[in-house]
Amino acid sequence: KMVETAVEQDDELMEAYLDGNEPSIEDIKRCIRKGTINLDFFPTFCGS
């Protein structure tokens, strides 16, 4: 779910992902950062 949501922020990564190429952790972080700043989604953590 996370990777699918993240790659929506970058068309090239999205195409590569649909062709079966797993994006790198750096690329996923970059996409999550972009989506968070655009208020598209909110990274959710848990703990005590």
All heavy atoms as atom14 arrays in JSON, in Angstrom:
{
  "sequence": "KMVETAVEQDDELMEAYLDGNEPSIEDIKRCIRKGTINLDFFPTFCGS",
  "atom14_mask": [
    [1, 1, 1, 1, 1, 1, 1, 1, 1, 0, 0, 0, 0, 0],
    [1, 1, 1, 1, 1, 1, 1, 1, 0, 0, 0, 0, 0, 0],
    [1, 1, 1, 1, 1, 1, 1, 0, 0, 0, 0, 0, 0, 0],
    [1, 1, 1, 1, 1, 1, 1, 1, 1, 0, 0, 0, 0, 0],
    [1, 1, 1, 1, 1, 1, 1, 0, 0, 0, 0, 0, 0, 0],
    [1, 1, 1, 1, 1, 0, 0, 0, 0, 0, 0, 0, 0, 0],
    [1, 1, 1, 1, 1, 1, 1, 0, 0, 0, 0, 0, 0, 0],
    [1, 1, 1, 1, 1, 1, 1, 1, 1, 0, 0, 0, 0, 0],
    [1, 1, 1, 1, 1, 1, 1, 1, 1, 0, 0, 0, 0, 0],
    [1, 1, 1, 1, 1, 1, 1, 1, 0, 0, 0, 0, 0, 0],
    [1, 1, 1, 1, 1, 1, 1, 1, 0, 0, 0, 0, 0, 0],
    [1, 1, 1, 1, 1, 1, 1, 1, 1, 0, 0, 0, 0, 0],
    [1, 1, 1, 1, 1, 1, 1, 1, 0, 0, 0, 0, 0, 0],
    [1, 1, 1, 1, 1, 1, 1, 1, 0, 0, 0, 0, 0, 0],
    [1, 1, 1, 1, 1, 1, 1, 1, 1, 0, 0, 0, 0, 0],
    [1, 1, 1, 1, 1, 0, 0, 0, 0, 0, 0, 0, 0, 0],
    [1, 1, 1, 1, 1, 1, 1, 1, 1, 1, 1, 1, 0, 0],
    [1, 1, 1, 1, 1, 1, 1, 1, 0, 0, 0, 0, 0, 0],
    [1, 1, 1, 1, 1, 1, 1, 1, 0, 0, 0, 0, 0, 0],
    [1, 1, 1, 1, 0, 0, 0, 0, 0, 0, 0, 0, 0, 0],
    [1, 1, 1, 1, 1, 1, 1, 1, 0, 0, 0, 0, 0, 0],
    [1, 1, 1, 1, 1, 1, 1, 1, 1, 0, 0, 0, 0, 0],
    [1, 1, 1, 1, 1, 1, 1, 0, 0, 0, 0, 0, 0, 0],
    [1, 1, 1, 1, 1, 1, 0, 0, 0, 0, 0, 0, 0, 0],
    [1, 1, 1, 1, 1, 1, 1, 1, 0, 0, 0, 0, 0, 0],
    [1, 1, 1, 1, 1, 1, 1, 1, 1, 0, 0, 0, 0, 0],
    [1, 1, 1, 1, 1, 1, 1, 1, 0, 0, 0, 0, 0, 0],
    [1, 1, 1, 1, 1, 1, 1, 1, 0, 0, 0, 0, 0, 0],
    [1, 1, 1, 1, 1, 1, 1, 1, 1, 0, 0, 0, 0, 0],
    [1, 1, 1, 1, 1, 1, 1, 1, 1, 1, 1, 0, 0, 0],
    [1, 1, 1, 1, 1, 1, 0, 0, 0, 0, 0, 0, 0, 0],
    [1, 1, 1, 1, 1, 1, 1, 1, 0, 0, 0, 0, 0, 0],
    [1, 1, 1, 1, 1, 1, 1, 1, 1, 1, 1, 0, 0, 0],
    [1, 1, 1, 1, 1, 1, 1, 1, 1, 0, 0, 0, 0, 0],
    [1, 1, 1, 1, 0, 0, 0, 0, 0, 0, 0, 0, 0, 0],
    [1, 1, 1, 1, 1, 1, 1, 0, 0, 0, 0, 0, 0, 0],
    [1, 1, 1, 1, 1, 1, 1, 1, 0, 0, 0, 0, 0, 0],
    [1, 1, 1, 1, 1, 1, 1, 1, 0, 0, 0, 0, 0, 0],
    [1, 1, 1, 1, 1, 1, 1, 1, 0, 0, 0, 0, 0, 0],
    [1, 1, 1, 1, 1, 1, 1, 1, 0, 0, 0, 0, 0, 0],
    [1, 1, 1, 1, 1, 1, 1, 1, 1, 1, 1, 0, 0, 0],
    [1, 1, 1, 1, 1, 1, 1, 1, 1, 1, 1, 0, 0, 0],
    [1, 1, 1, 1, 1, 1, 1, 0, 0, 0, 0, 0, 0, 0],
    [1, 1, 1, 1, 1, 1, 1, 0, 0, 0, 0, 0, 0, 0],
    [1, 1, 1, 1, 1, 1, 1, 1, 1, 1, 1, 0, 0, 0],
    [1, 1, 1, 1, 1, 1, 0, 0, 0, 0, 0, 0, 0, 0],
    [1, 1, 1, 1, 0, 0, 0, 0, 0, 0, 0, 0, 0, 0],
    [1, 1, 1, 1, 1, 1, 0, 0, 0, 0, 0, 0, 0, 0]
  ],
  "atom14_positions": [
    [[0.85, -1.21, 0.0], [0.0, 0.0, 0.0], [0.87, 1.25, 0.0], [0.61, 2.23, -0.68], [-0.87, 0.03, 1.27], [-2.14, -0.78, 1.18], [-3.0, -0.52, 2.43], [-4.16, -1.49, 2.54], [-4.84, -1.38, 3.84], [0.0, 0.0, 0.0], [0.0, 0.0, 0.0], [0.0, 0.0, 0.0], [0.0, 0.0, 0.0], [0.0, 0.0, 0.0]],
    [[1.94, 1.23, 0.84], [2.81, 2.4, 0.97], [3.49, 2.73, -0.36], [3.49, 3.87, -0.82], [3.87, 2.14, 2.04], [4.91, 3.25, 2.12], [6.43, 2.67, 2.81], [6.01, 2.56, 4.51], [0.0, 0.0, 0.0], [0.0, 0.0, 0.0], [0.0, 0.0, 0.0], [0.0, 0.0, 0.0], [0.0, 0.0, 0.0], [0.0, 0.0, 0.0]],
    [[4.05, 1.7, -1.0], [4.79, 1.93, -2.24], [3.83, 2.43, -3.32], [4.13, 3.39, -4.05], [5.53, 0.64, -2.69], [6.21, 0.86, -4.03], [6.54, 0.23, -1.63], [0.0, 0.0, 0.0], [0.0, 0.0, 0.0], [0.0, 0.0, 0.0], [0.0, 0.0, 0.0], [0.0, 0.0, 0.0], [0.0, 0.0, 0.0], [0.0, 0.0, 0.0]],
    [[2.65, 1.82, -3.4], [1.68, 2.25, -4.43], [1.29, 3.71, -4.23], [1.18, 4.48, -5.18], [0.42, 1.36, -4.37], [0.64, 0.02, -5.04], [-0.56, -0.91, -4.87], [-1.59, -0.46, -4.31], [-0.45, -2.08, -5.28], [0.0, 0.0, 0.0], [0.0, 0.0, 0.0], [0.0, 0.0, 0.0], [0.0, 0.0, 0.0], [0.0, 0.0, 0.0]],
    [[1.04, 4.09, -2.97], [0.65, 5.48, -2.68], [1.8, 6.43, -3.0], [1.6, 7.51, -3.56], [0.27, 5.62, -1.19], [-0.69, 4.63, -0.87], [-0.33, 6.98, -0.9], [0.0, 0.0, 0.0], [0.0, 0.0, 0.0], [0.0, 0.0, 0.0], [0.0, 0.0, 0.0], [0.0, 0.0, 0.0], [0.0, 0.0, 0.0], [0.0, 0.0, 0.0]],
    [[3.02, 6.01, -2.63], [4.18, 6.89, -2.82], [4.47, 7.15, -4.29], [4.67, 8.3, -4.71], [5.4, 6.3, -2.12], [0.0, 0.0, 0.0], [0.0, 0.0, 0.0], [0.0, 0.0, 0.0], [0.0, 0.0, 0.0], [0.0, 0.0, 0.0], [0.0, 0.0, 0.0], [0.0, 0.0, 0.0], [0.0, 0.0, 0.0], [0.0, 0.0, 0.0]],
    [[4.48, 6.09, -5.12], [4.91, 6.28, -6.52], [3.9, 7.09, -7.34], [4.24, 7.58, -8.41], [5.21, 4.93, -7.24], [6.4, 4.25, -6.6], [4.0, 4.02, -7.25], [0.0, 0.0, 0.0], [0.0, 0.0, 0.0], [0.0, 0.0, 0.0], [0.0, 0.0, 0.0], [0.0, 0.0, 0.0], [0.0, 0.0, 0.0], [0.0, 0.0, 0.0]],
    [[2.69, 7.27, -6.79], [1.73, 8.14, -7.49], [2.26, 9.57, -7.61], [1.77, 10.37, -8.41], [0.39, 8.17, -6.73], [-0.44, 6.92, -6.93], [-1.68, 6.9, -6.03], [-1.93, 7.92, -5.35], [-2.38, 5.88, -6.02], [0.0, 0.0, 0.0], [0.0, 0.0, 0.0], [0.0, 0.0, 0.0], [0.0, 0.0, 0.0], [0.0, 0.0, 0.0]],
    [[3.26, 9.92, -6.78], [3.8, 11.29, -6.8], [4.81, 11.5, -7.93], [5.27, 12.61, -8.15], [4.48, 11.6, -5.44], [3.56, 11.51, -4.25], [2.54, 12.65, -4.2], [2.82, 13.77, -4.62], [1.35, 12.37, -3.69], [0.0, 0.0, 0.0], [0.0, 0.0, 0.0], [0.0, 0.0, 0.0], [0.0, 0.0, 0.0], [0.0, 0.0, 0.0]],
    [[5.19, 10.42, -8.62], [6.24, 10.54, -9.64], [5.9, 9.62, -10.81], [5.91, 8.4, -10.69], [7.59, 10.13, -9.01], [8.75, 10.35, -9.96], [8.61, 10.04, -11.17], [9.81, 10.83, -9.51], [0.0, 0.0, 0.0], [0.0, 0.0, 0.0], [0.0, 0.0, 0.0], [0.0, 0.0, 0.0], [0.0, 0.0, 0.0], [0.0, 0.0, 0.0]],
    [[5.59, 10.21, -11.97], [5.1, 9.42, -13.11], [6.11, 8.38, -13.59], [5.76, 7.25, -13.92], [4.71, 10.35, -14.27], [3.52, 11.21, -13.89], [2.87, 10.86, -12.88], [3.23, 12.21, -14.57], [0.0, 0.0, 0.0], [0.0, 0.0, 0.0], [0.0, 0.0, 0.0], [0.0, 0.0, 0.0], [0.0, 0.0, 0.0], [0.0, 0.0, 0.0]],
    [[7.41, 8.77, -13.63], [8.42, 7.82, -14.13], [8.52, 6.59, -13.22], [8.56, 5.45, -13.68], [9.79, 8.51, -14.21], [9.91, 9.44, -15.42], [11.25, 10.15, -15.44], [12.22, 9.61, -14.87], [11.31, 11.25, -16.02], [0.0, 0.0, 0.0], [0.0, 0.0, 0.0], [0.0, 0.0, 0.0], [0.0, 0.0, 0.0], [0.0, 0.0, 0.0]],
    [[8.57, 6.87, -11.89], [8.65, 5.76, -10.93], [7.41, 4.88, -11.04], [7.49, 3.66, -10.92], [8.75, 6.3, -9.5], [10.13, 6.68, -8.97], [10.02, 7.13, -7.52], [11.09, 5.5, -9.03], [0.0, 0.0, 0.0], [0.0, 0.0, 0.0], [0.0, 0.0, 0.0], [0.0, 0.0, 0.0], [0.0, 0.0, 0.0], [0.0, 0.0, 0.0]],
    [[6.29, 5.53, -11.25], [5.01, 4.8, -11.34], [5.07, 3.81, -12.5], [4.73, 2.63, -12.35], [3.89, 5.83, -11.59], [2.54, 5.22, -11.73], [1.75, 5.24, -10.14], [0.06, 5.22, -10.64], [0.0, 0.0, 0.0], [0.0, 0.0, 0.0], [0.0, 0.0, 0.0], [0.0, 0.0, 0.0], [0.0, 0.0, 0.0], [0.0, 0.0, 0.0]],
    [[5.57, 4.28, -13.66], [5.65, 3.4, -14.83], [6.6, 2.23, -14.56], [6.3, 1.08, -14.85], [6.11, 4.19, -16.05], [4.98, 5.01, -16.67], [5.46, 5.89, -17.81], [6.43, 5.51, -18.49], [4.86, 6.97, -18.01], [0.0, 0.0, 0.0], [0.0, 0.0, 0.0], [0.0, 0.0, 0.0], [0.0, 0.0, 0.0], [0.0, 0.0, 0.0]],
    [[7.77, 2.58, -13.95], [8.76, 1.54, -13.66], [8.19, 0.51, -12.69], [8.39, -0.7, -12.84], [10.02, 2.18, -13.07], [0.0, 0.0, 0.0], [0.0, 0.0, 0.0], [0.0, 0.0, 0.0], [0.0, 0.0, 0.0], [0.0, 0.0, 0.0], [0.0, 0.0, 0.0], [0.0, 0.0, 0.0], [0.0, 0.0, 0.0], [0.0, 0.0, 0.0]],
    [[7.41, 1.0, -11.71], [6.82, 0.11, -10.7], [5.78, -0.82, -11.35], [5.73, -2.02, -11.05], [6.19, 0.94, -9.57], [5.51, 0.13, -8.5], [6.25, -0.69, -7.64], [4.12, 0.17, -8.33], [5.64, -1.44, -6.65], [3.48, -0.58, -7.34], [4.25, -1.39, -6.51], [3.66, -2.13, -5.53], [0.0, 0.0, 0.0], [0.0, 0.0, 0.0]],
    [[5.0, -0.26, -12.26], [3.98, -1.07, -12.93], [4.65, -2.13, -13.83], [4.08, -3.19, -14.09], [3.04, -0.18, -13.75], [2.13, 0.74, -12.91], [1.35, 1.69, -13.8], [1.17, -0.08, -12.05], [0.0, 0.0, 0.0], [0.0, 0.0, 0.0], [0.0, 0.0, 0.0], [0.0, 0.0, 0.0], [0.0, 0.0, 0.0], [0.0, 0.0, 0.0]],
    [[5.88, -1.83, -14.3], [6.62, -2.81, -15.11], [7.33, -3.83, -14.24], [8.1, -4.67, -14.74], [7.66, -2.1, -16.0], [6.97, -1.24, -17.06], [5.77, -1.49, -17.31], [7.61, -0.33, -17.61], [0.0, 0.0, 0.0], [0.0, 0.0, 0.0], [0.0, 0.0, 0.0], [0.0, 0.0, 0.0], [0.0, 0.0, 0.0], [0.0, 0.0, 0.0]],
    [[7.13, -3.73, -12.91], [7.7, -4.74, -12.02], [9.03, -4.35, -11.39], [9.69, -5.18, -10.79], [0.0, 0.0, 0.0], [0.0, 0.0, 0.0], [0.0, 0.0, 0.0], [0.0, 0.0, 0.0], [0.0, 0.0, 0.0], [0.0, 0.0, 0.0], [0.0, 0.0, 0.0], [0.0, 0.0, 0.0], [0.0, 0.0, 0.0], [0.0, 0.0, 0.0]],
    [[9.45, -3.07, -11.52], [10.71, -2.64, -10.89], [10.43, -2.02, -9.53], [9.71, -1.02, -9.43], [11.44, -1.62, -11.76], [11.8, -2.19, -13.11], [12.14, -3.37, -13.19], [11.69, -1.39, -14.15], [0.0, 0.0, 0.0], [0.0, 0.0, 0.0], [0.0, 0.0, 0.0], [0.0, 0.0, 0.0], [0.0, 0.0, 0.0], [0.0, 0.0, 0.0]],
    [[10.98, -2.56, -8.49], [10.77, -2.06, -7.12], [11.59, -0.77, -6.94], [12.8, -0.76, -7.22], [11.25, -3.13, -6.13], [11.16, -2.75, -4.68], [9.74, -2.88, -4.09], [8.84, -3.4, -4.77], [9.57, -2.47, -2.95], [0.0, 0.0, 0.0], [0.0, 0.0, 0.0], [0.0, 0.0, 0.0], [0.0, 0.0, 0.0], [0.0, 0.0, 0.0]],
    [[10.98, 0.36, -6.51], [11.77, 1.6, -6.31], [12.7, 1.46, -5.11], [12.45, 0.67, -4.2], [10.71, 2.67, -6.07], [9.48, 1.95, -5.67], [9.56, 0.57, -6.22], [0.0, 0.0, 0.0], [0.0, 0.0, 0.0], [0.0, 0.0, 0.0], [0.0, 0.0, 0.0], [0.0, 0.0, 0.0], [0.0, 0.0, 0.0], [0.0, 0.0, 0.0]],
    [[13.78, 2.25, -5.11], [14.72, 2.21, -3.98], [14.1, 2.92, -2.78], [13.15, 3.7, -2.91], [16.02, 2.93, -4.36], [15.76, 4.32, -4.48], [0.0, 0.0, 0.0], [0.0, 0.0, 0.0], [0.0, 0.0, 0.0], [0.0, 0.0, 0.0], [0.0, 0.0, 0.0], [0.0, 0.0, 0.0], [0.0, 0.0, 0.0], [0.0, 0.0, 0.0]],
    [[14.68, 2.65, -1.6], [14.17, 3.3, -0.37], [14.28, 4.82, -0.5], [13.39, 5.57, -0.1], [14.93, 2.77, 0.87], [14.42, 1.36, 1.19], [14.75, 3.7, 2.07], [14.97, 0.73, 2.43], [0.0, 0.0, 0.0], [0.0, 0.0, 0.0], [0.0, 0.0, 0.0], [0.0, 0.0, 0.0], [0.0, 0.0, 0.0], [0.0, 0.0, 0.0]],
    [[15.38, 5.3, -1.12], [15.57, 6.77, -1.29], [14.44, 7.35, -2.14], [13.89, 8.4, -1.83], [16.92, 7.06, -1.98], [18.09, 7.31, -1.03], [18.26, 6.17, -0.02], [18.39, 5.01, -0.48], [18.2, 6.44, 1.2], [0.0, 0.0, 0.0], [0.0, 0.0, 0.0], [0.0, 0.0, 0.0], [0.0, 0.0, 0.0], [0.0, 0.0, 0.0]],
    [[14.1, 6.65, -3.23], [13.03, 7.14, -4.11], [11.68, 7.17, -3.39], [10.9, 8.11, -3.52], [12.93, 6.26, -5.37], [14.01, 6.61, -6.39], [14.56, 7.71, -6.27], [14.31, 5.77, -7.26], [0.0, 0.0, 0.0], [0.0, 0.0, 0.0], [0.0, 0.0, 0.0], [0.0, 0.0, 0.0], [0.0, 0.0, 0.0], [0.0, 0.0, 0.0]],
    [[11.42, 6.1, -2.6], [10.14, 6.05, -1.88], [10.08, 7.22, -0.89], [9.07, 7.93, -0.8], [9.97, 4.71, -1.12], [9.93, 3.54, -2.11], [8.69, 4.73, -0.28], [9.88, 2.17, -1.45], [0.0, 0.0, 0.0], [0.0, 0.0, 0.0], [0.0, 0.0, 0.0], [0.0, 0.0, 0.0], [0.0, 0.0, 0.0], [0.0, 0.0, 0.0]],
    [[11.18, 7.45, -0.17], [11.2, 8.55, 0.82], [10.95, 9.89, 0.12], [10.21, 10.73, 0.63], [12.56, 8.61, 1.53], [12.67, 7.63, 2.69], [13.94, 7.92, 3.48], [14.0, 7.06, 4.74], [15.23, 7.26, 5.48], [0.0, 0.0, 0.0], [0.0, 0.0, 0.0], [0.0, 0.0, 0.0], [0.0, 0.0, 0.0], [0.0, 0.0, 0.0]],
    [[11.59, 10.07, -1.03], [11.43, 11.34, -1.76], [9.96, 11.54, -2.14], [9.4, 12.64, -2.0], [12.31, 11.3, -3.01], [12.32, 12.59, -3.81], [13.39, 12.51, -4.89], [13.29, 11.28, -5.7], [12.48, 11.14, -6.75], [11.75, 12.09, -7.1], [12.42, 10.02, -7.44], [0.0, 0.0, 0.0], [0.0, 0.0, 0.0], [0.0, 0.0, 0.0]],
    [[9.31, 10.48, -2.61], [7.89, 10.57, -3.0], [6.99, 10.82, -1.79], [6.04, 11.61, -1.86], [7.45, 9.29, -3.7], [8.16, 9.11, -5.32], [0.0, 0.0, 0.0], [0.0, 0.0, 0.0], [0.0, 0.0, 0.0], [0.0, 0.0, 0.0], [0.0, 0.0, 0.0], [0.0, 0.0, 0.0], [0.0, 0.0, 0.0], [0.0, 0.0, 0.0]],
    [[7.3, 10.13, -0.68], [6.46, 10.32, 0.52], [6.61, 11.76, 1.0], [5.63, 12.4, 1.39], [6.87, 9.33, 1.65], [6.55, 7.9, 1.22], [6.13, 9.66, 2.95], [6.96, 6.83, 2.22], [0.0, 0.0, 0.0], [0.0, 0.0, 0.0], [0.0, 0.0, 0.0], [0.0, 0.0, 0.0], [0.0, 0.0, 0.0], [0.0, 0.0, 0.0]],
    [[7.81, 12.28, 0.93], [8.04, 13.67, 1.35], [7.2, 14.63, 0.5], [6.52, 15.51, 1.01], [9.53, 13.98, 1.2], [9.89, 15.39, 1.65], [11.38, 15.67, 1.48], [11.68, 16.98, 1.98], [11.85, 17.26, 3.26], [11.76, 16.34, 4.17], [12.1, 18.51, 3.64], [0.0, 0.0, 0.0], [0.0, 0.0, 0.0], [0.0, 0.0, 0.0]],
    [[7.23, 14.39, -0.82], [6.48, 15.27, -1.73], [4.98, 15.23, -1.42], [4.31, 16.25, -1.31], [6.75, 14.83, -3.18], [6.13, 15.75, -4.2], [6.42, 15.26, -5.62], [5.55, 16.01, -6.62], [5.51, 15.37, -7.93], [0.0, 0.0, 0.0], [0.0, 0.0, 0.0], [0.0, 0.0, 0.0], [0.0, 0.0, 0.0], [0.0, 0.0, 0.0]],
    [[4.46, 13.99, -1.24], [3.02, 13.84, -0.97], [2.61, 14.43, 0.37], [1.51, 14.96, 0.53], [0.0, 0.0, 0.0], [0.0, 0.0, 0.0], [0.0, 0.0, 0.0], [0.0, 0.0, 0.0], [0.0, 0.0, 0.0], [0.0, 0.0, 0.0], [0.0, 0.0, 0.0], [0.0, 0.0, 0.0], [0.0, 0.0, 0.0], [0.0, 0.0, 0.0]],
    [[3.52, 14.31, 1.37], [3.21, 14.85, 2.71], [3.12, 16.37, 2.64], [2.22, 16.99, 3.2], [4.31, 14.43, 3.71], [4.45, 13.02, 3.66], [3.94, 14.85, 5.12], [0.0, 0.0, 0.0], [0.0, 0.0, 0.0], [0.0, 0.0, 0.0], [0.0, 0.0, 0.0], [0.0, 0.0, 0.0], [0.0, 0.0, 0.0], [0.0, 0.0, 0.0]],
    [[4.09, 16.98, 1.92], [4.11, 18.44, 1.83], [2.89, 18.94, 1.04], [2.33, 19.99, 1.32], [5.44, 18.92, 1.21], [6.58, 18.61, 2.19], [5.4, 20.42, 0.89], [7.97, 18.85, 1.67], [0.0, 0.0, 0.0], [0.0, 0.0, 0.0], [0.0, 0.0, 0.0], [0.0, 0.0, 0.0], [0.0, 0.0, 0.0], [0.0, 0.0, 0.0]],
    [[2.43, 18.13, 0.06], [1.23, 18.52, -0.71], [-0.07, 18.2, 0.01], [-1.15, 18.37, -0.55], [1.21, 17.78, -2.06], [2.31, 18.26, -2.96], [2.85, 19.33, -2.75], [2.66, 17.47, -3.97], [0.0, 0.0, 0.0], [0.0, 0.0, 0.0], [0.0, 0.0, 0.0], [0.0, 0.0, 0.0], [0.0, 0.0, 0.0], [0.0, 0.0, 0.0]],
    [[0.03, 17.65, 1.24], [-1.13, 17.26, 2.05], [-1.94, 16.14, 1.4], [-3.14, 16.0, 1.65], [-2.06, 18.47, 2.32], [-1.45, 19.7, 2.98], [-2.52, 20.75, 3.24], [-0.76, 19.36, 4.28], [0.0, 0.0, 0.0], [0.0, 0.0, 0.0], [0.0, 0.0, 0.0], [0.0, 0.0, 0.0], [0.0, 0.0, 0.0], [0.0, 0.0, 0.0]],
    [[-1.31, 15.33, 0.54], [-2.03, 14.21, -0.09], [-2.25, 13.08, 0.9], [-3.21, 12.34, 0.81], [-1.26, 13.69, -1.31], [-1.23, 14.72, -2.43], [-2.12, 15.59, -2.43], [-0.34, 14.65, -3.29], [0.0, 0.0, 0.0], [0.0, 0.0, 0.0], [0.0, 0.0, 0.0], [0.0, 0.0, 0.0], [0.0, 0.0, 0.0], [0.0, 0.0, 0.0]],
    [[-1.29, 12.89, 1.8], [-1.44, 11.85, 2.83], [-0.58, 12.22, 4.03], [0.19, 13.19, 3.98], [-1.06, 10.46, 2.29], [0.23, 10.43, 1.52], [1.45, 10.53, 2.18], [0.23, 10.32, 0.12], [2.65, 10.51, 1.47], [1.43, 10.31, -0.59], [2.64, 10.4, 0.1], [0.0, 0.0, 0.0], [0.0, 0.0, 0.0], [0.0, 0.0, 0.0]],
    [[-0.72, 11.46, 5.11], [-0.03, 11.77, 6.36], [0.69, 10.53, 6.87], [0.03, 9.57, 7.26], [-1.04, 12.26, 7.41], [-1.87, 13.42, 6.92], [-3.13, 13.21, 6.38], [-1.37, 14.71, 6.96], [-3.88, 14.27, 5.89], [-2.12, 15.77, 6.49], [-3.37, 15.56, 5.95], [0.0, 0.0, 0.0], [0.0, 0.0, 0.0], [0.0, 0.0, 0.0]],
    [[2.04, 10.5, 6.83], [2.77, 9.33, 7.35], [2.37, 9.08, 8.81], [2.32, 10.01, 9.61], [4.23, 9.77, 7.26], [4.24, 10.8, 6.18], [2.93, 11.51, 6.28], [0.0, 0.0, 0.0], [0.0, 0.0, 0.0], [0.0, 0.0, 0.0], [0.0, 0.0, 0.0], [0.0, 0.0, 0.0], [0.0, 0.0, 0.0], [0.0, 0.0, 0.0]],
    [[2.06, 7.82, 9.13], [1.5, 7.48, 10.44], [2.42, 6.51, 11.19], [2.73, 5.44, 10.67], [0.09, 6.89, 10.24], [-0.7, 7.86, 9.56], [-0.56, 6.55, 11.55], [0.0, 0.0, 0.0], [0.0, 0.0, 0.0], [0.0, 0.0, 0.0], [0.0, 0.0, 0.0], [0.0, 0.0, 0.0], [0.0, 0.0, 0.0], [0.0, 0.0, 0.0]],
    [[2.81, 6.93, 12.39], [3.73, 6.14, 13.22], [3.0, 5.68, 14.47], [1.94, 6.21, 14.81], [4.95, 6.98, 13.61], [5.75, 7.44, 12.43], [5.4, 8.59, 11.72], [6.85, 6.72, 12.0], [6.12, 8.99, 10.61], [7.59, 7.12, 10.89], [7.22, 8.26, 10.19], [0.0, 0.0, 0.0], [0.0, 0.0, 0.0], [0.0, 0.0, 0.0]],
    [[3.6, 4.7, 15.19], [2.94, 4.26, 16.41], [3.98, 4.03, 17.5], [5.18, 3.93, 17.21], [2.15, 2.98, 16.16], [3.17, 1.59, 15.68], [0.0, 0.0, 0.0], [0.0, 0.0, 0.0], [0.0, 0.0, 0.0], [0.0, 0.0, 0.0], [0.0, 0.0, 0.0], [0.0, 0.0, 0.0], [0.0, 0.0, 0.0], [0.0, 0.0, 0.0]],
    [[3.52, 3.99, 18.75], [4.45, 3.77, 19.85], [3.83, 4.12, 21.18], [2.62, 4.28, 21.31], [0.0, 0.0, 0.0], [0.0, 0.0, 0.0], [0.0, 0.0, 0.0], [0.0, 0.0, 0.0], [0.0, 0.0, 0.0], [0.0, 0.0, 0.0], [0.0, 0.0, 0.0], [0.0, 0.0, 0.0], [0.0, 0.0, 0.0], [0.0, 0.0, 0.0]],
    [[4.7, 4.24, 22.19], [4.26, 4.65, 23.52], [5.29, 5.64, 24.05], [6.41, 5.25, 24.37], [4.17, 3.44, 24.44], [4.15, 3.89, 25.79], [0.0, 0.0, 0.0], [0.0, 0.0, 0.0], [0.0, 0.0, 0.0], [0.0, 0.0, 0.0], [0.0, 0.0, 0.0], [0.0, 0.0, 0.0], [0.0, 0.0, 0.0], [0.0, 0.0, 0.0]]
  ]
}
